[in-house]
Amino acid sequence: MDLTLWGALAVIVYVLQLLLIRWVLLLKKRQAAASVAWIFAIIRLPVRGGVLFLLFGVNLVERGAARKQQASRAIARYLPTLSEY
């Protein structure tokens, strides 16, 4: 590969990193330490850090919490209330 192709690839990776960092900072409501850790991973491991964020950092906890809350509501409908006793 010649030098211009490597340069274009580097620019594309850099822009993708900036977009991922923007997503981590602005769109995700998470603890500050977690955001800093993900940004550090994205910067220090340019391609792998972004892939790791997309695999593990996106909505896993939020989805699990929503699923757990939905299950609690479904169970609560069938449990008797204290006012019945």
C-alpha atoms as a PDB file:
ATOM      1  CA  MET A   1       0.000   0.000   0.000  1.00  0.00           C
ATOM      2  CA  ASP A   2       1.269   3.414  -0.753  1.00  0.00           C
ATOM      3  CA  LEU A   3       1.515   6.304   1.664  1.00  0.00           C
ATOM      4  CA  THR A   4      -1.674   8.127   0.593  1.00  0.00           C
ATOM      5  CA  LEU A   5      -3.800   5.054   1.279  1.00  0.00           C
ATOM      6  CA  TRP A   6      -2.307   4.707   4.766  1.00  0.00           C
ATOM      7  CA  GLY A   7      -2.926   8.409   5.365  1.00  0.00           C
ATOM      8  CA  ALA A   8      -6.551   8.119   4.280  1.00  0.00           C
ATOM      9  CA  LEU A   9      -7.011   5.077   6.504  1.00  0.00           C
ATOM     10  CA  ALA A  10      -5.488   6.954   9.448  1.00  0.00           C
ATOM     11  CA  VAL A  11      -7.862   9.878   8.891  1.00  0.00           C
ATOM     12  CA  ILE A  12     -10.862   7.548   8.749  1.00  0.00           C
ATOM     13  CA  VAL A  13      -9.829   5.818  11.989  1.00  0.00           C
ATOM     14  CA  TYR A  14      -9.269   9.205  13.652  1.00  0.00           C
ATOM     15  CA  VAL A  15     -12.715  10.469  12.618  1.00  0.00           C
ATOM     16  CA  LEU A  16     -14.356   7.268  13.869  1.00  0.00           C
ATOM     17  CA  GLN A  17     -12.544   7.700  17.182  1.00  0.00           C
ATOM     18  CA  LEU A  18     -13.824  11.254  17.494  1.00  0.00           C
ATOM     19  CA  LEU A  19     -17.374  10.104  16.796  1.00  0.00           C
ATOM     20  CA  LEU A  20     -17.131   7.344  19.393  1.00  0.00           C
ATOM     21  CA  ILE A  21     -15.710   9.746  21.978  1.00  0.00           C
ATOM     22  CA  ARG A  22     -18.547  12.169  21.237  1.00  0.00           C
ATOM     23  CA  TRP A  23     -21.035   9.349  21.720  1.00  0.00           C
ATOM     24  CA  VAL A  24     -19.460   8.318  25.027  1.00  0.00           C
ATOM     25  CA  LEU A  25     -19.405  11.884  26.351  1.00  0.00           C
ATOM     26  CA  LEU A  26     -22.682  13.322  25.116  1.00  0.00           C
ATOM     27  CA  LEU A  27     -25.158  10.553  24.526  1.00  0.00           C
ATOM     28  CA  LYS A  28     -24.486   8.148  27.355  1.00  0.00           C
ATOM     29  CA  LYS A  29     -25.551   8.983  30.876  1.00  0.00           C
ATOM     30  CA  ARG A  30     -23.051   7.038  32.898  1.00  0.00           C
ATOM     31  CA  GLN A  31     -20.643   7.599  35.717  1.00  0.00           C
ATOM     32  CA  ALA A  32     -17.723   9.906  34.971  1.00  0.00           C
ATOM     33  CA  ALA A  33     -15.134   7.222  35.754  1.00  0.00           C
ATOM     34  CA  ALA A  34     -16.715   4.830  33.260  1.00  0.00           C
ATOM     35  CA  SER A  35     -16.763   7.504  30.553  1.00  0.00           C
ATOM     36  CA  VAL A  36     -13.103   8.358  31.154  1.00  0.00           C
ATOM     37  CA  ALA A  37     -12.177   4.671  31.051  1.00  0.00           C
ATOM     38  CA  TRP A  38     -13.956   4.153  27.729  1.00  0.00           C
ATOM     39  CA  ILE A  39     -12.381   7.274  26.232  1.00  0.00           C
ATOM     40  CA  PHE A  40      -8.956   6.087  27.390  1.00  0.00           C
ATOM     41  CA  ALA A  41      -9.574   2.668  25.809  1.00  0.00           C
ATOM     42  CA  ILE A  42     -10.727   4.234  22.528  1.00  0.00           C
ATOM     43  CA  ILE A  43      -7.661   6.487  22.347  1.00  0.00           C
ATOM     44  CA  ARG A  44      -5.027   3.974  23.516  1.00  0.00           C
ATOM     45  CA  LEU A  45      -6.379   1.083  21.419  1.00  0.00           C
ATOM     46  CA  PRO A  46      -7.607   2.884  18.284  1.00  0.00           C
ATOM     47  CA  VAL A  47      -9.494   0.098  16.547  1.00  0.00           C
ATOM     48  CA  ARG A  48      -9.829  -2.447  19.341  1.00  0.00           C
ATOM     49  CA  GLY A  49     -11.008   0.114  21.906  1.00  0.00           C
ATOM     50  CA  GLY A  50     -13.827   1.246  19.642  1.00  0.00           C
ATOM     51  CA  VAL A  51     -14.873  -2.314  18.902  1.00  0.00           C
ATOM     52  CA  LEU A  52     -14.795  -3.163  22.608  1.00  0.00           C
ATOM     53  CA  PHE A  53     -16.959  -0.140  23.365  1.00  0.00           C
ATOM     54  CA  LEU A  54     -19.485  -1.135  20.720  1.00  0.00           C
ATOM     55  CA  LEU A  55     -19.579  -4.709  22.026  1.00  0.00           C
ATOM     56  CA  PHE A  56     -19.591  -4.131  25.779  1.00  0.00           C
ATOM     57  CA  GLY A  57     -20.246  -0.468  26.472  1.00  0.00           C
ATOM     58  CA  VAL A  58     -23.555   0.044  24.735  1.00  0.00           C
ATOM     59  CA  ASN A  59     -26.744  -0.438  26.742  1.00  0.00           C
ATOM     60  CA  LEU A  60     -25.831  -3.736  28.371  1.00  0.00           C
ATOM     61  CA  VAL A  61     -26.487  -2.499  31.885  1.00  0.00           C
ATOM     62  CA  GLU A  62     -29.459  -0.370  30.852  1.00  0.00           C
ATOM     63  CA  ARG A  63     -31.086  -3.264  28.997  1.00  0.00           C
ATOM     64  CA  GLY A  64     -30.534  -5.609  31.926  1.00  0.00           C
ATOM     65  CA  ALA A  65     -32.006  -3.101  34.382  1.00  0.00           C
ATOM     66  CA  ALA A  66     -35.025  -2.494  32.145  1.00  0.00           C
ATOM     67  CA  ARG A  67     -35.600  -6.245  31.788  1.00  0.00           C
ATOM     68  CA  LYS A  68     -35.346  -6.714  35.559  1.00  0.00           C
ATOM     69  CA  GLN A  69     -37.764  -3.862  36.229  1.00  0.00           C
ATOM     70  CA  GLN A  70     -40.244  -5.266  33.710  1.00  0.00           C
ATOM     71  CA  ALA A  71     -40.059  -8.692  35.391  1.00  0.00           C
ATOM     72  CA  SER A  72     -40.626  -7.096  38.803  1.00  0.00           C
ATOM     73  CA  ARG A  73     -43.745  -5.327  37.516  1.00  0.00           C
ATOM     74  CA  ALA A  74     -45.073  -8.537  35.994  1.00  0.00           C
ATOM     75  CA  ILE A  75     -44.587 -10.415  39.270  1.00  0.00           C
ATOM     76  CA  ALA A  76     -46.063  -7.570  41.338  1.00  0.00           C
ATOM     77  CA  ARG A  77     -49.393  -7.882  39.512  1.00  0.00           C
ATOM     78  CA  TYR A  78     -49.846 -11.396  40.867  1.00  0.00           C
ATOM     79  CA  LEU A  79     -48.678 -10.793  44.420  1.00  0.00           C
ATOM     80  CA  PRO A  80     -51.244  -9.786  47.009  1.00  0.00           C
ATOM     81  CA  THR A  81     -51.031  -6.293  48.424  1.00  0.00           C
ATOM     82  CA  LEU A  82     -50.815  -5.505  52.116  1.00  0.00           C
ATOM     83  CA  SER A  83     -54.251  -3.919  52.098  1.00  0.00           C
ATOM     84  CA  GLU A  84     -55.841  -7.310  51.408  1.00  0.00           C
ATOM     85  CA  TYR A  85     -54.769  -8.573  54.844  1.00  0.00           C
END
